[in-house]
Amino acid sequence: MSRRRLRLPAAIVLLAVAAPVLAAQPDSAPARSTVATMRSSARHFGEAVKQGSTQFGRRLAHGARQAGHQFDADMHQLGHSFHRWWDGVRSRVAQA
């Protein structure tokens, strides 16, 4: 992925964070407070994204573990079924 593509989502996020802050600020508000509010909003947004990403990763890992356990259980059951079938085949061949 090129540098340009990597920078575009960051610019969109910055715009999404800055637009409500700038719209809520009165015209007489000093520029420093606007910048500080934008930084604070961006920080909170970043923390929310990080927390959401972490939670998503944990749920994904948990789901993968559950799927793996279910697969193991199903394969174990299939193995038992195959052995029962094979034992039946062997006993019928031995009787014949």
N, C-alpha and C. Protein backbone atom coordinates (compact mmCIF):
# COMPACT_ATOMS: atom_id res chain seq x y z
N MET A 1 0.85 -1.16 0.00
CA MET A 1 0.00 0.00 0.00
C MET A 1 0.90 1.24 0.00
N SER A 2 0.54 2.20 -0.80
CA SER A 2 1.38 3.37 -0.92
C SER A 2 1.19 4.31 0.27
N ARG A 3 2.13 5.22 0.43
CA ARG A 3 2.06 6.19 1.53
C ARG A 3 0.81 7.06 1.39
N ARG A 4 0.45 7.37 0.17
CA ARG A 4 -0.71 8.22 -0.06
C ARG A 4 -1.99 7.54 0.45
N ARG A 5 -2.12 6.27 0.18
CA ARG A 5 -3.28 5.52 0.64
C ARG A 5 -3.31 5.41 2.16
N LEU A 6 -2.14 5.30 2.77
CA LEU A 6 -2.09 5.20 4.22
C LEU A 6 -2.46 6.52 4.90
N ARG A 7 -2.14 7.63 4.27
CA ARG A 7 -2.41 8.92 4.86
C ARG A 7 -3.87 9.33 4.70
N LEU A 8 -4.54 8.87 3.69
CA LEU A 8 -5.91 9.27 3.42
C LEU A 8 -6.87 8.91 4.56
N PRO A 9 -6.87 7.67 5.09
CA PRO A 9 -7.78 7.38 6.21
C PRO A 9 -7.50 8.26 7.43
N ALA A 10 -6.24 8.57 7.68
CA ALA A 10 -5.92 9.44 8.82
C ALA A 10 -6.51 10.83 8.61
N ALA A 11 -6.46 11.33 7.40
CA ALA A 11 -7.02 12.65 7.12
C ALA A 11 -8.54 12.62 7.28
N ILE A 12 -9.17 11.54 6.88
CA ILE A 12 -10.62 11.42 7.02
C ILE A 12 -11.00 11.37 8.50
N VAL A 13 -10.25 10.63 9.29
CA VAL A 13 -10.51 10.55 10.72
C VAL A 13 -10.32 11.91 11.37
N LEU A 14 -9.25 12.61 11.00
CA LEU A 14 -9.00 13.94 11.56
C LEU A 14 -10.13 14.89 11.20
N LEU A 15 -10.60 14.82 9.98
CA LEU A 15 -11.72 15.66 9.56
C LEU A 15 -12.99 15.32 10.34
N ALA A 16 -13.24 14.01 10.54
CA ALA A 16 -14.42 13.58 11.29
C ALA A 16 -14.37 14.05 12.74
N VAL A 17 -13.17 14.08 13.32
CA VAL A 17 -13.03 14.52 14.70
C VAL A 17 -13.08 16.05 14.78
N ALA A 18 -12.47 16.73 13.83
CA ALA A 18 -12.34 18.19 13.89
C ALA A 18 -13.64 18.91 13.52
N ALA A 19 -14.43 18.37 12.63
CA ALA A 19 -15.61 19.08 12.16
C ALA A 19 -16.60 19.40 13.28
N PRO A 20 -16.99 18.43 14.11
CA PRO A 20 -17.93 18.78 15.18
C PRO A 20 -17.34 19.76 16.20
N VAL A 21 -16.04 19.63 16.45
CA VAL A 21 -15.40 20.53 17.41
C VAL A 21 -15.39 21.95 16.88
N LEU A 22 -15.03 22.11 15.63
CA LEU A 22 -15.00 23.44 15.03
C LEU A 22 -16.40 24.03 14.92
N ALA A 23 -17.38 23.20 14.65
CA ALA A 23 -18.76 23.70 14.52
C ALA A 23 -19.31 24.13 15.88
N ALA A 24 -18.87 23.48 16.94
CA ALA A 24 -19.38 23.79 18.28
C ALA A 24 -18.69 25.00 18.90
N GLN A 25 -17.54 25.40 18.40
CA GLN A 25 -16.80 26.51 18.98
C GLN A 25 -17.38 27.84 18.52
N PRO A 26 -17.60 28.77 19.45
CA PRO A 26 -18.03 30.11 19.03
C PRO A 26 -16.87 30.83 18.34
N ASP A 27 -17.22 31.82 17.54
CA ASP A 27 -16.19 32.54 16.78
C ASP A 27 -15.19 33.25 17.67
N SER A 28 -15.59 33.62 18.87
CA SER A 28 -14.69 34.37 19.74
C SER A 28 -13.76 33.47 20.54
N ALA A 29 -13.90 32.15 20.42
CA ALA A 29 -13.05 31.24 21.18
C ALA A 29 -11.61 31.32 20.68
N PRO A 30 -10.67 31.32 21.60
CA PRO A 30 -9.28 31.39 21.18
C PRO A 30 -8.88 30.13 20.41
N ALA A 31 -7.91 30.30 19.53
CA ALA A 31 -7.46 29.19 18.68
C ALA A 31 -6.84 28.08 19.52
N ARG A 32 -6.18 28.42 20.61
CA ARG A 32 -5.55 27.40 21.45
C ARG A 32 -6.58 26.44 22.04
N SER A 33 -7.72 26.96 22.50
CA SER A 33 -8.72 26.08 23.08
C SER A 33 -9.33 25.16 22.01
N THR A 34 -9.46 25.68 20.80
CA THR A 34 -9.97 24.86 19.70
C THR A 34 -9.00 23.72 19.40
N VAL A 35 -7.72 24.04 19.35
CA VAL A 35 -6.71 23.01 19.08
C VAL A 35 -6.67 22.01 20.22
N ALA A 36 -6.74 22.49 21.46
CA ALA A 36 -6.73 21.59 22.60
C ALA A 36 -7.95 20.67 22.58
N THR A 37 -9.11 21.22 22.23
CA THR A 37 -10.33 20.41 22.15
C THR A 37 -10.21 19.37 21.04
N MET A 38 -9.63 19.77 19.92
CA MET A 38 -9.44 18.83 18.81
C MET A 38 -8.49 17.71 19.23
N ARG A 39 -7.42 18.08 19.91
CA ARG A 39 -6.46 17.05 20.36
C ARG A 39 -7.13 16.10 21.34
N SER A 40 -7.91 16.66 22.27
CA SER A 40 -8.60 15.83 23.25
C SER A 40 -9.60 14.90 22.56
N SER A 41 -10.36 15.44 21.62
CA SER A 41 -11.33 14.62 20.88
C SER A 41 -10.62 13.53 20.07
N ALA A 42 -9.52 13.89 19.45
CA ALA A 42 -8.76 12.91 18.66
C ALA A 42 -8.20 11.83 19.58
N ARG A 43 -7.73 12.22 20.75
CA ARG A 43 -7.20 11.26 21.71
C ARG A 43 -8.29 10.29 22.16
N HIS A 44 -9.46 10.84 22.49
CA HIS A 44 -10.58 9.99 22.91
C HIS A 44 -11.03 9.07 21.78
N PHE A 45 -11.06 9.60 20.58
CA PHE A 45 -11.44 8.80 19.42
C PHE A 45 -10.43 7.67 19.21
N GLY A 46 -9.15 8.00 19.31
CA GLY A 46 -8.10 6.98 19.16
C GLY A 46 -8.21 5.90 20.22
N GLU A 47 -8.49 6.31 21.46
CA GLU A 47 -8.66 5.33 22.54
C GLU A 47 -9.87 4.44 22.29
N ALA A 48 -10.95 5.03 21.79
CA ALA A 48 -12.15 4.24 21.51
C ALA A 48 -11.89 3.24 20.38
N VAL A 49 -11.17 3.67 19.35
CA VAL A 49 -10.83 2.77 18.25
C VAL A 49 -9.93 1.65 18.74
N LYS A 50 -8.95 2.00 19.56
CA LYS A 50 -8.03 0.99 20.09
C LYS A 50 -8.77 -0.02 20.95
N GLN A 51 -9.66 0.46 21.82
CA GLN A 51 -10.42 -0.43 22.68
C GLN A 51 -11.35 -1.32 21.86
N GLY A 52 -12.01 -0.73 20.88
CA GLY A 52 -12.89 -1.53 20.02
C GLY A 52 -12.13 -2.58 19.24
N SER A 53 -10.95 -2.22 18.76
CA SER A 53 -10.12 -3.16 18.02
C SER A 53 -9.67 -4.31 18.92
N THR A 54 -9.30 -3.97 20.15
CA THR A 54 -8.87 -5.00 21.10
C THR A 54 -10.02 -5.95 21.41
N GLN A 55 -11.20 -5.38 21.66
CA GLN A 55 -12.37 -6.23 21.96
C GLN A 55 -12.73 -7.11 20.77
N PHE A 56 -12.64 -6.55 19.56
CA PHE A 56 -12.94 -7.34 18.37
C PHE A 56 -11.95 -8.49 18.23
N GLY A 57 -10.67 -8.20 18.48
CA GLY A 57 -9.65 -9.25 18.40
C GLY A 57 -9.89 -10.36 19.41
N ARG A 58 -10.29 -9.97 20.62
CA ARG A 58 -10.56 -10.97 21.64
C ARG A 58 -11.77 -11.83 21.27
N ARG A 59 -12.83 -11.18 20.77
CA ARG A 59 -14.02 -11.95 20.36
C ARG A 59 -13.69 -12.88 19.20
N LEU A 60 -12.88 -12.41 18.27
CA LEU A 60 -12.49 -13.23 17.12
C LEU A 60 -11.67 -14.43 17.58
N ALA A 61 -10.72 -14.20 18.50
CA ALA A 61 -9.90 -15.30 19.01
C ALA A 61 -10.77 -16.30 19.78
N HIS A 62 -11.70 -15.80 20.57
CA HIS A 62 -12.58 -16.68 21.34
C HIS A 62 -13.45 -17.52 20.39
N GLY A 63 -13.98 -16.89 19.36
CA GLY A 63 -14.78 -17.62 18.37
C GLY A 63 -13.97 -18.67 17.65
N ALA A 64 -12.72 -18.33 17.33
CA ALA A 64 -11.86 -19.30 16.64
C ALA A 64 -11.56 -20.49 17.55
N ARG A 65 -11.31 -20.21 18.85
CA ARG A 65 -11.08 -21.31 19.79
C ARG A 65 -12.30 -22.20 19.91
N GLN A 66 -13.48 -21.59 20.01
CA GLN A 66 -14.71 -22.38 20.10
C GLN A 66 -14.90 -23.23 18.86
N ALA A 67 -14.66 -22.65 17.70
CA ALA A 67 -14.80 -23.40 16.44
C ALA A 67 -13.81 -24.56 16.40
N GLY A 68 -12.59 -24.32 16.87
CA GLY A 68 -11.58 -25.38 16.91
C GLY A 68 -11.98 -26.51 17.84
N HIS A 69 -12.51 -26.16 19.02
CA HIS A 69 -12.97 -27.20 19.95
C HIS A 69 -14.12 -28.00 19.36
N GLN A 70 -15.05 -27.30 18.72
CA GLN A 70 -16.18 -28.00 18.10
C GLN A 70 -15.70 -28.92 16.99
N PHE A 71 -14.74 -28.45 16.19
CA PHE A 71 -14.19 -29.28 15.11
C PHE A 71 -13.53 -30.53 15.69
N ASP A 72 -12.75 -30.34 16.77
CA ASP A 72 -12.10 -31.50 17.40
C ASP A 72 -13.14 -32.50 17.91
N ALA A 73 -14.19 -31.98 18.54
CA ALA A 73 -15.24 -32.87 19.05
C ALA A 73 -15.93 -33.62 17.91
N ASP A 74 -16.20 -32.91 16.82
CA ASP A 74 -16.84 -33.56 15.67
C ASP A 74 -15.93 -34.62 15.05
N MET A 75 -14.64 -34.33 14.95
CA MET A 75 -13.70 -35.32 14.39
C MET A 75 -13.57 -36.52 15.31
N HIS A 76 -13.60 -36.27 16.61
CA HIS A 76 -13.53 -37.37 17.57
C HIS A 76 -14.75 -38.28 17.41
N GLN A 77 -15.92 -37.68 17.28
CA GLN A 77 -17.15 -38.45 17.09
C GLN A 77 -17.10 -39.22 15.77
N LEU A 78 -16.60 -38.59 14.73
CA LEU A 78 -16.47 -39.25 13.44
C LEU A 78 -15.52 -40.45 13.53
N GLY A 79 -14.43 -40.28 14.27
CA GLY A 79 -13.50 -41.39 14.47
C GLY A 79 -14.17 -42.56 15.17
N HIS A 80 -14.96 -42.28 16.20
CA HIS A 80 -15.68 -43.35 16.90
C HIS A 80 -16.66 -44.04 15.95
N SER A 81 -17.38 -43.27 15.16
CA SER A 81 -18.33 -43.85 14.21
C SER A 81 -17.61 -44.74 13.20
N PHE A 82 -16.47 -44.26 12.71
CA PHE A 82 -15.71 -45.05 11.73
C PHE A 82 -15.22 -46.36 12.37
N HIS A 83 -14.74 -46.30 13.59
CA HIS A 83 -14.25 -47.51 14.25
C HIS A 83 -15.38 -48.50 14.49
N ARG A 84 -16.56 -48.00 14.89
CA ARG A 84 -17.70 -48.91 15.07
C ARG A 84 -18.06 -49.58 13.75
N TRP A 85 -18.07 -48.78 12.68
CA TRP A 85 -18.39 -49.34 11.35
C TRP A 85 -17.34 -50.38 10.96
N TRP A 86 -16.07 -50.02 11.15
CA TRP A 86 -14.98 -50.93 10.75
C TRP A 86 -15.03 -52.22 11.57
N ASP A 87 -15.32 -52.12 12.86
CA ASP A 87 -15.45 -53.32 13.69
C ASP A 87 -16.59 -54.20 13.20
N GLY A 88 -17.71 -53.59 12.77
CA GLY A 88 -18.82 -54.35 12.22
C GLY A 88 -18.43 -55.05 10.92
N VAL A 89 -17.70 -54.36 10.05
CA VAL A 89 -17.24 -54.96 8.79
C VAL A 89 -16.34 -56.15 9.08
N ARG A 90 -15.40 -55.96 10.00
CA ARG A 90 -14.46 -57.05 10.31
C ARG A 90 -15.18 -58.25 10.90
N SER A 91 -16.16 -57.99 11.76
CA SER A 91 -16.87 -59.14 12.37
C SER A 91 -17.71 -59.87 11.33
N ARG A 92 -18.33 -59.13 10.36
CA ARG A 92 -19.11 -59.80 9.31
C ARG A 92 -18.19 -60.60 8.38
N VAL A 93 -17.00 -60.07 8.08
CA VAL A 93 -16.07 -60.79 7.23
C VAL A 93 -15.56 -62.04 7.95
N ALA A 94 -15.33 -61.94 9.26
CA ALA A 94 -14.83 -63.08 10.03
C ALA A 94 -15.89 -64.17 10.13
N GLN A 95 -17.16 -63.78 10.17
CA GLN A 95 -18.24 -64.78 10.26
C GLN A 95 -18.49 -65.47 8.91
N ALA A 96 -18.13 -64.80 7.82
CA ALA A 96 -18.41 -65.36 6.50
C ALA A 96 -17.44 -66.41 6.10
